[in-house]
N, C-alpha and C. Protein backbone atom coordinates (compact mmCIF):
# COMPACT_ATOMS: atom_id res chain seq x y z
N UNK A 1 56.58 66.44 -8.90
CA UNK A 1 55.85 65.34 -8.31
C UNK A 1 55.95 65.50 -6.80
N UNK A 2 54.85 65.27 -6.15
CA UNK A 2 54.78 65.47 -4.70
C UNK A 2 54.24 64.21 -4.04
N UNK A 3 54.78 63.94 -2.85
CA UNK A 3 54.21 62.83 -2.10
C UNK A 3 54.30 63.10 -0.61
N UNK A 4 53.39 62.47 0.09
CA UNK A 4 53.38 62.47 1.54
C UNK A 4 53.52 61.01 1.95
N UNK A 5 54.54 60.74 2.76
CA UNK A 5 54.77 59.39 3.28
C UNK A 5 54.38 59.40 4.75
N UNK A 6 53.57 58.44 5.13
CA UNK A 6 53.25 58.26 6.54
C UNK A 6 53.65 56.84 6.92
N UNK A 7 54.48 56.74 7.95
CA UNK A 7 54.84 55.42 8.47
C UNK A 7 53.63 54.92 9.23
N UNK A 8 53.17 53.73 8.90
CA UNK A 8 51.93 53.22 9.48
C UNK A 8 52.09 51.81 10.05
N UNK A 9 51.22 51.50 11.01
CA UNK A 9 51.12 50.13 11.49
C UNK A 9 50.04 49.38 10.71
N UNK A 10 49.13 50.15 10.09
CA UNK A 10 48.11 49.58 9.20
C UNK A 10 47.46 50.71 8.41
N UNK A 11 46.98 50.37 7.22
CA UNK A 11 46.28 51.35 6.39
C UNK A 11 45.42 50.61 5.39
N UNK A 12 44.33 51.26 4.99
CA UNK A 12 43.45 50.67 3.99
C UNK A 12 42.74 51.76 3.19
N UNK A 13 42.31 51.37 2.00
CA UNK A 13 41.51 52.24 1.13
C UNK A 13 40.25 51.48 0.77
N UNK A 14 39.13 52.18 0.90
CA UNK A 14 37.83 51.60 0.55
C UNK A 14 37.17 52.46 -0.50
N UNK A 15 36.62 51.80 -1.52
CA UNK A 15 35.87 52.49 -2.58
C UNK A 15 34.53 51.79 -2.71
N UNK A 16 33.46 52.55 -2.61
CA UNK A 16 32.11 51.99 -2.71
C UNK A 16 31.90 50.81 -1.77
N UNK A 17 32.41 50.94 -0.55
CA UNK A 17 32.22 49.91 0.47
C UNK A 17 33.13 48.70 0.34
N UNK A 18 34.04 48.69 -0.65
CA UNK A 18 34.92 47.55 -0.86
C UNK A 18 36.37 47.97 -0.64
N UNK A 19 37.10 47.18 0.15
CA UNK A 19 38.52 47.46 0.38
C UNK A 19 39.28 47.14 -0.90
N UNK A 20 40.00 48.15 -1.42
CA UNK A 20 40.77 47.97 -2.66
C UNK A 20 42.25 47.81 -2.40
N UNK A 21 42.70 48.20 -1.24
CA UNK A 21 44.10 48.05 -0.86
C UNK A 21 44.21 48.08 0.65
N UNK A 22 45.11 47.24 1.18
CA UNK A 22 45.23 47.15 2.64
C UNK A 22 46.63 46.65 2.98
N UNK A 23 47.28 47.29 3.95
CA UNK A 23 48.60 46.86 4.39
C UNK A 23 48.68 46.86 5.91
N UNK A 24 49.69 46.20 6.39
CA UNK A 24 50.05 46.29 7.81
C UNK A 24 51.24 47.25 7.86
N UNK A 25 52.30 46.90 8.50
CA UNK A 25 53.47 47.77 8.67
C UNK A 25 54.02 48.25 7.32
N UNK A 26 54.23 49.57 7.24
CA UNK A 26 54.79 50.11 6.01
C UNK A 26 54.53 51.58 5.85
N UNK A 27 54.33 51.97 4.59
CA UNK A 27 54.10 53.37 4.24
C UNK A 27 52.75 53.55 3.57
N UNK A 28 52.04 54.55 4.01
CA UNK A 28 50.91 55.10 3.27
C UNK A 28 51.53 56.21 2.44
N UNK A 29 51.44 56.12 1.12
CA UNK A 29 52.02 57.13 0.24
C UNK A 29 50.91 57.78 -0.57
N UNK A 30 50.77 59.09 -0.37
CA UNK A 30 49.85 59.90 -1.16
C UNK A 30 50.70 60.55 -2.25
N UNK A 31 50.32 60.37 -3.52
CA UNK A 31 51.13 60.83 -4.64
C UNK A 31 50.36 61.81 -5.51
N UNK A 32 50.94 62.99 -5.71
CA UNK A 32 50.36 64.00 -6.58
C UNK A 32 51.28 64.25 -7.76
N UNK A 33 50.73 64.18 -8.96
CA UNK A 33 51.52 64.38 -10.18
C UNK A 33 51.20 65.75 -10.74
N UNK A 34 52.26 66.55 -10.91
CA UNK A 34 52.14 67.93 -11.39
C UNK A 34 52.37 67.95 -12.90
N UNK A 35 51.67 68.84 -13.59
CA UNK A 35 51.86 69.00 -15.03
C UNK A 35 53.34 69.19 -15.32
N UNK A 36 53.85 68.41 -16.26
CA UNK A 36 55.26 68.51 -16.64
C UNK A 36 56.17 67.54 -15.92
N UNK A 37 55.65 66.79 -14.94
CA UNK A 37 56.48 65.79 -14.26
C UNK A 37 56.92 64.74 -15.27
N UNK A 38 58.12 64.21 -15.06
CA UNK A 38 58.73 63.28 -16.02
C UNK A 38 58.96 61.91 -15.40
N UNK A 39 59.30 60.96 -16.26
CA UNK A 39 59.67 59.62 -15.79
C UNK A 39 60.91 59.70 -14.91
N UNK A 40 61.83 60.58 -15.24
CA UNK A 40 63.04 60.74 -14.44
C UNK A 40 62.69 61.17 -13.01
N UNK A 41 61.78 62.13 -12.87
CA UNK A 41 61.35 62.57 -11.55
C UNK A 41 60.63 61.45 -10.80
N UNK A 42 59.82 60.69 -11.53
CA UNK A 42 59.11 59.56 -10.91
C UNK A 42 60.10 58.56 -10.36
N UNK A 43 61.14 58.24 -11.15
CA UNK A 43 62.14 57.28 -10.70
C UNK A 43 62.92 57.80 -9.49
N UNK A 44 63.26 59.08 -9.51
CA UNK A 44 63.98 59.69 -8.39
C UNK A 44 63.14 59.64 -7.11
N UNK A 45 61.87 60.01 -7.22
CA UNK A 45 60.99 60.00 -6.05
C UNK A 45 60.78 58.57 -5.53
N UNK A 46 60.60 57.62 -6.44
CA UNK A 46 60.44 56.22 -6.03
C UNK A 46 61.69 55.73 -5.30
N UNK A 47 62.87 56.12 -5.80
CA UNK A 47 64.11 55.73 -5.13
C UNK A 47 64.17 56.30 -3.71
N UNK A 48 63.81 57.58 -3.58
CA UNK A 48 63.82 58.22 -2.26
C UNK A 48 62.86 57.51 -1.31
N UNK A 49 61.67 57.21 -1.79
CA UNK A 49 60.68 56.51 -0.94
C UNK A 49 61.17 55.11 -0.60
N UNK A 50 61.69 54.41 -1.59
CA UNK A 50 62.16 53.05 -1.36
C UNK A 50 63.34 52.95 -0.42
N UNK A 51 64.17 53.99 -0.41
CA UNK A 51 65.41 53.93 0.38
C UNK A 51 65.38 54.74 1.68
N UNK A 52 64.33 55.56 1.89
CA UNK A 52 64.30 56.38 3.09
C UNK A 52 64.33 55.49 4.33
N UNK A 53 65.13 55.89 5.31
CA UNK A 53 65.32 55.08 6.52
C UNK A 53 64.60 55.75 7.69
N UNK A 54 63.34 55.37 7.87
CA UNK A 54 62.55 55.97 8.95
C UNK A 54 61.91 54.93 9.88
N UNK A 55 62.42 53.70 9.80
CA UNK A 55 61.99 52.68 10.76
C UNK A 55 63.09 52.54 11.81
N UNK A 56 62.68 52.27 13.03
CA UNK A 56 63.59 52.24 14.16
C UNK A 56 64.40 50.95 14.20
N UNK A 57 65.71 51.10 14.43
CA UNK A 57 66.58 49.94 14.58
C UNK A 57 66.65 49.49 16.04
N UNK A 58 67.52 48.54 16.33
CA UNK A 58 67.62 47.99 17.68
C UNK A 58 68.13 49.00 18.71
N UNK A 59 68.69 50.13 18.24
CA UNK A 59 69.19 51.17 19.13
C UNK A 59 68.21 52.34 19.27
N UNK A 60 67.01 52.18 18.71
CA UNK A 60 66.00 53.23 18.81
C UNK A 60 66.21 54.37 17.83
N UNK A 61 67.08 54.20 16.84
CA UNK A 61 67.34 55.23 15.83
C UNK A 61 66.56 54.93 14.56
N UNK A 62 66.08 55.99 13.91
CA UNK A 62 65.45 55.81 12.60
C UNK A 62 66.58 55.51 11.62
N UNK A 63 66.72 54.22 11.28
CA UNK A 63 67.88 53.80 10.51
C UNK A 63 67.57 52.67 9.53
N UNK A 64 66.32 52.23 9.46
CA UNK A 64 65.98 51.10 8.61
C UNK A 64 65.00 51.52 7.51
N UNK A 65 65.19 50.91 6.34
CA UNK A 65 64.32 51.18 5.19
C UNK A 65 63.11 50.26 5.20
N UNK A 66 62.22 50.52 4.31
CA UNK A 66 61.01 49.71 4.13
C UNK A 66 61.37 48.26 3.85
N UNK A 67 62.30 48.03 2.93
CA UNK A 67 62.69 46.66 2.58
C UNK A 67 63.33 45.95 3.77
N UNK A 68 64.10 46.68 4.56
CA UNK A 68 64.78 46.06 5.70
C UNK A 68 63.81 45.58 6.78
N UNK A 69 62.63 46.18 6.86
CA UNK A 69 61.65 45.74 7.85
C UNK A 69 60.54 44.90 7.23
N UNK A 70 60.64 44.61 5.92
CA UNK A 70 59.62 43.82 5.25
C UNK A 70 58.28 44.53 5.14
N UNK A 71 58.32 45.86 5.03
CA UNK A 71 57.10 46.64 4.98
C UNK A 71 56.47 46.71 3.60
N UNK A 72 55.24 47.15 3.57
CA UNK A 72 54.47 47.28 2.34
C UNK A 72 54.16 48.76 2.09
N UNK A 73 53.63 49.05 0.91
CA UNK A 73 53.20 50.40 0.55
C UNK A 73 51.74 50.37 0.14
N UNK A 74 50.97 51.31 0.65
CA UNK A 74 49.64 51.58 0.14
C UNK A 74 49.74 52.89 -0.60
N UNK A 75 49.61 52.84 -1.92
CA UNK A 75 49.80 53.99 -2.80
C UNK A 75 48.46 54.55 -3.24
N UNK A 76 48.26 55.84 -2.97
CA UNK A 76 46.99 56.50 -3.30
C UNK A 76 47.27 57.75 -4.11
N UNK A 77 46.61 57.87 -5.25
CA UNK A 77 46.74 59.08 -6.06
C UNK A 77 46.01 60.22 -5.35
N UNK A 78 46.62 61.40 -5.36
CA UNK A 78 46.02 62.52 -4.63
C UNK A 78 46.33 63.83 -5.35
N UNK A 79 45.46 64.19 -6.30
CA UNK A 79 45.69 65.40 -7.07
C UNK A 79 45.62 66.65 -6.20
N UNK A 80 44.99 66.57 -5.04
CA UNK A 80 44.90 67.76 -4.19
C UNK A 80 46.25 68.17 -3.61
N UNK A 81 47.26 67.29 -3.69
CA UNK A 81 48.62 67.69 -3.30
C UNK A 81 49.17 68.75 -4.25
N UNK A 82 48.55 68.91 -5.40
CA UNK A 82 48.99 69.88 -6.40
C UNK A 82 48.24 71.21 -6.26
N UNK A 83 47.53 71.39 -5.18
CA UNK A 83 46.72 72.59 -4.98
C UNK A 83 47.60 73.85 -4.97
N UNK A 84 47.06 74.90 -5.57
CA UNK A 84 47.71 76.22 -5.58
C UNK A 84 46.81 77.15 -4.78
N UNK A 85 47.36 77.70 -3.71
CA UNK A 85 46.60 78.60 -2.84
C UNK A 85 47.16 80.02 -2.88
N UNK A 86 47.84 80.36 -3.97
CA UNK A 86 48.46 81.68 -4.08
C UNK A 86 47.43 82.80 -4.05
N UNK A 87 46.25 82.55 -4.59
CA UNK A 87 45.21 83.58 -4.63
C UNK A 87 43.96 83.07 -3.92
N UNK A 88 43.43 83.88 -3.06
CA UNK A 88 42.15 83.57 -2.43
C UNK A 88 42.21 82.42 -1.46
N UNK A 89 41.03 81.89 -1.16
CA UNK A 89 40.90 80.82 -0.18
C UNK A 89 40.46 79.50 -0.79
N UNK A 90 40.11 79.53 -2.05
CA UNK A 90 39.69 78.30 -2.72
C UNK A 90 40.85 77.78 -3.56
N UNK A 91 41.28 76.53 -3.35
CA UNK A 91 42.44 76.02 -4.08
C UNK A 91 42.16 75.86 -5.57
N UNK A 92 43.19 76.10 -6.34
CA UNK A 92 43.16 75.84 -7.78
C UNK A 92 43.96 74.57 -8.03
N UNK A 93 43.50 73.76 -8.94
CA UNK A 93 44.19 72.51 -9.23
C UNK A 93 44.74 72.48 -10.64
N UNK A 94 44.98 73.65 -11.21
CA UNK A 94 45.49 73.74 -12.57
C UNK A 94 46.92 73.22 -12.69
N UNK A 95 47.63 73.09 -11.58
CA UNK A 95 48.99 72.53 -11.61
C UNK A 95 48.99 71.02 -11.79
N UNK A 96 47.86 70.37 -11.54
CA UNK A 96 47.77 68.91 -11.65
C UNK A 96 47.97 68.46 -13.09
N UNK A 97 48.64 67.33 -13.23
CA UNK A 97 48.82 66.74 -14.57
C UNK A 97 47.47 66.25 -15.08
N UNK A 98 47.38 66.14 -16.39
CA UNK A 98 46.17 65.57 -17.00
C UNK A 98 45.99 64.14 -16.47
N UNK A 99 44.74 63.73 -16.26
CA UNK A 99 44.50 62.42 -15.63
C UNK A 99 45.22 61.25 -16.31
N UNK A 100 45.26 61.20 -17.62
CA UNK A 100 45.91 60.06 -18.29
C UNK A 100 47.40 60.00 -17.96
N UNK A 101 48.08 61.14 -17.93
CA UNK A 101 49.50 61.18 -17.62
C UNK A 101 49.73 60.92 -16.14
N UNK A 102 48.89 61.48 -15.30
CA UNK A 102 49.01 61.27 -13.86
C UNK A 102 48.85 59.79 -13.52
N UNK A 103 47.87 59.15 -14.12
CA UNK A 103 47.65 57.73 -13.85
C UNK A 103 48.83 56.89 -14.33
N UNK A 104 49.37 57.21 -15.49
CA UNK A 104 50.52 56.48 -16.01
C UNK A 104 51.70 56.57 -15.04
N UNK A 105 52.01 57.78 -14.57
CA UNK A 105 53.14 57.96 -13.66
C UNK A 105 52.86 57.34 -12.28
N UNK A 106 51.62 57.40 -11.85
CA UNK A 106 51.22 56.78 -10.58
C UNK A 106 51.46 55.27 -10.61
N UNK A 107 51.01 54.62 -11.67
CA UNK A 107 51.20 53.17 -11.78
C UNK A 107 52.68 52.81 -11.96
N UNK A 108 53.40 53.62 -12.73
CA UNK A 108 54.84 53.39 -12.92
C UNK A 108 55.59 53.55 -11.61
N UNK A 109 55.18 54.51 -10.79
CA UNK A 109 55.79 54.74 -9.48
C UNK A 109 55.68 53.48 -8.62
N UNK A 110 54.50 52.89 -8.59
CA UNK A 110 54.29 51.66 -7.82
C UNK A 110 55.19 50.54 -8.29
N UNK A 111 55.34 50.37 -9.59
CA UNK A 111 56.21 49.34 -10.15
C UNK A 111 57.68 49.63 -9.85
N UNK A 112 58.04 50.91 -9.91
CA UNK A 112 59.43 51.32 -9.67
C UNK A 112 59.88 50.97 -8.25
N UNK A 113 58.96 51.01 -7.30
CA UNK A 113 59.30 50.69 -5.91
C UNK A 113 59.87 49.28 -5.76
N UNK A 114 59.49 48.38 -6.67
CA UNK A 114 59.97 47.00 -6.61
C UNK A 114 61.50 46.94 -6.73
N UNK A 115 62.09 47.91 -7.43
CA UNK A 115 63.55 47.94 -7.60
C UNK A 115 64.27 48.16 -6.28
N UNK A 116 63.54 48.62 -5.27
CA UNK A 116 64.14 48.94 -3.98
C UNK A 116 63.69 47.97 -2.90
N UNK A 117 63.28 46.79 -3.33
CA UNK A 117 62.95 45.72 -2.39
C UNK A 117 61.55 45.76 -1.82
N UNK A 118 60.70 46.62 -2.35
CA UNK A 118 59.31 46.69 -1.87
C UNK A 118 58.52 45.65 -2.66
N UNK A 119 58.17 44.57 -2.00
CA UNK A 119 57.52 43.46 -2.69
C UNK A 119 56.00 43.50 -2.63
N UNK A 120 55.45 44.35 -1.77
CA UNK A 120 54.00 44.43 -1.63
C UNK A 120 53.56 45.89 -1.77
N UNK A 121 53.03 46.21 -2.96
CA UNK A 121 52.48 47.54 -3.21
C UNK A 121 50.99 47.36 -3.47
N UNK A 122 50.18 47.96 -2.62
CA UNK A 122 48.73 47.96 -2.77
C UNK A 122 48.32 49.34 -3.29
N UNK A 123 47.17 49.42 -3.95
CA UNK A 123 46.76 50.66 -4.60
C UNK A 123 45.36 51.08 -4.18
N UNK A 124 45.17 52.40 -4.23
CA UNK A 124 43.83 52.95 -4.21
C UNK A 124 43.29 52.83 -5.63
N UNK A 125 42.18 53.49 -5.91
CA UNK A 125 41.61 53.49 -7.26
C UNK A 125 41.78 54.88 -7.82
N UNK A 126 42.56 54.99 -8.89
CA UNK A 126 42.87 56.29 -9.47
C UNK A 126 41.58 57.03 -9.82
N UNK A 127 41.48 58.27 -9.34
CA UNK A 127 40.36 59.13 -9.68
C UNK A 127 39.07 58.86 -8.90
N UNK A 128 39.07 57.85 -8.05
CA UNK A 128 37.85 57.50 -7.31
C UNK A 128 37.74 58.31 -6.03
N UNK A 129 36.54 58.34 -5.49
CA UNK A 129 36.30 58.92 -4.17
C UNK A 129 36.62 57.80 -3.17
N UNK A 130 37.70 57.98 -2.43
CA UNK A 130 38.21 56.91 -1.57
C UNK A 130 38.10 57.28 -0.10
N UNK A 131 37.85 56.27 0.72
CA UNK A 131 37.92 56.42 2.17
C UNK A 131 39.24 55.79 2.59
N UNK A 132 40.11 56.59 3.19
CA UNK A 132 41.44 56.13 3.58
C UNK A 132 41.50 56.06 5.11
N UNK A 133 41.93 54.92 5.61
CA UNK A 133 42.10 54.75 7.06
C UNK A 133 43.53 54.33 7.31
N UNK A 134 44.11 54.89 8.38
CA UNK A 134 45.47 54.51 8.71
C UNK A 134 45.74 54.77 10.17
N UNK A 135 46.74 54.08 10.66
CA UNK A 135 47.25 54.33 12.00
C UNK A 135 48.69 54.77 11.80
N UNK A 136 48.92 56.08 11.94
CA UNK A 136 50.25 56.65 11.76
C UNK A 136 51.12 56.21 12.92
N UNK A 137 52.27 55.67 12.60
CA UNK A 137 53.19 55.12 13.59
C UNK A 137 54.24 56.17 13.94
N UNK A 138 54.21 56.68 15.14
CA UNK A 138 55.21 57.64 15.60
C UNK A 138 54.61 58.88 16.25
N UNK A 139 53.92 59.73 15.57
CA UNK A 139 53.67 59.74 14.13
C UNK A 139 54.91 60.19 13.35
N UNK A 140 55.10 59.55 12.20
CA UNK A 140 56.17 59.93 11.28
C UNK A 140 55.52 60.25 9.95
N UNK A 141 55.68 61.49 9.51
CA UNK A 141 55.14 61.95 8.23
C UNK A 141 56.21 62.76 7.52
N UNK A 142 56.50 62.42 6.26
CA UNK A 142 57.52 63.09 5.47
C UNK A 142 56.87 63.59 4.18
N UNK A 143 57.17 64.84 3.83
CA UNK A 143 56.68 65.42 2.58
C UNK A 143 57.85 65.55 1.62
N UNK A 144 57.65 65.11 0.38
CA UNK A 144 58.69 65.22 -0.65
C UNK A 144 58.11 65.91 -1.87
N UNK A 145 58.93 66.75 -2.50
CA UNK A 145 58.53 67.47 -3.71
C UNK A 145 59.74 67.55 -4.63
N UNK A 146 59.66 66.95 -5.80
CA UNK A 146 60.81 66.95 -6.70
C UNK A 146 61.18 68.37 -7.15
N UNK A 147 60.24 69.29 -7.13
CA UNK A 147 60.56 70.68 -7.51
C UNK A 147 61.58 71.30 -6.55
N UNK A 148 61.51 70.95 -5.28
CA UNK A 148 62.47 71.52 -4.33
C UNK A 148 63.87 70.97 -4.59
N UNK A 149 63.98 69.76 -5.09
CA UNK A 149 65.28 69.18 -5.38
C UNK A 149 65.91 69.84 -6.61
N UNK A 150 65.08 70.30 -7.53
CA UNK A 150 65.60 70.99 -8.73
C UNK A 150 66.24 72.32 -8.37
N UNK A 151 65.70 72.97 -7.35
CA UNK A 151 66.20 74.30 -6.95
C UNK A 151 67.49 74.23 -6.15
N UNK A 152 67.76 73.10 -5.54
CA UNK A 152 68.86 73.16 -4.64
C UNK A 152 69.79 72.06 -4.60
């Protein structure tokens, strides 16, 4: 399972001209589900996202979590995070989980964040063509991949 976290001052997702999710201070999370990803990996990744301390404290250090600053999450499914570029210049998406399993884990991930004090999780529309707008704060962008944690 892969995700990109962007610390934002605001973010929104629009589908067919309608805003489907919108937040102020918090995280824009792009989530890619790889074939074979498990509930255990989903829970581990949600814990990492929920507990990561990348908001600035009173001393100017990145030391506060999302819950500590009362931030929200805008969660967007992004199968292109599963792209394989090992051959050629055109990405292959065969590593992506089947849509039904990817959607299940995507929705479970959003619910799992609640265990870490995230009370406002907004969503994109799974499988839709979405327009995503955000103002990256910092900029701070973190990439996480559960496969790298298995190796080391």
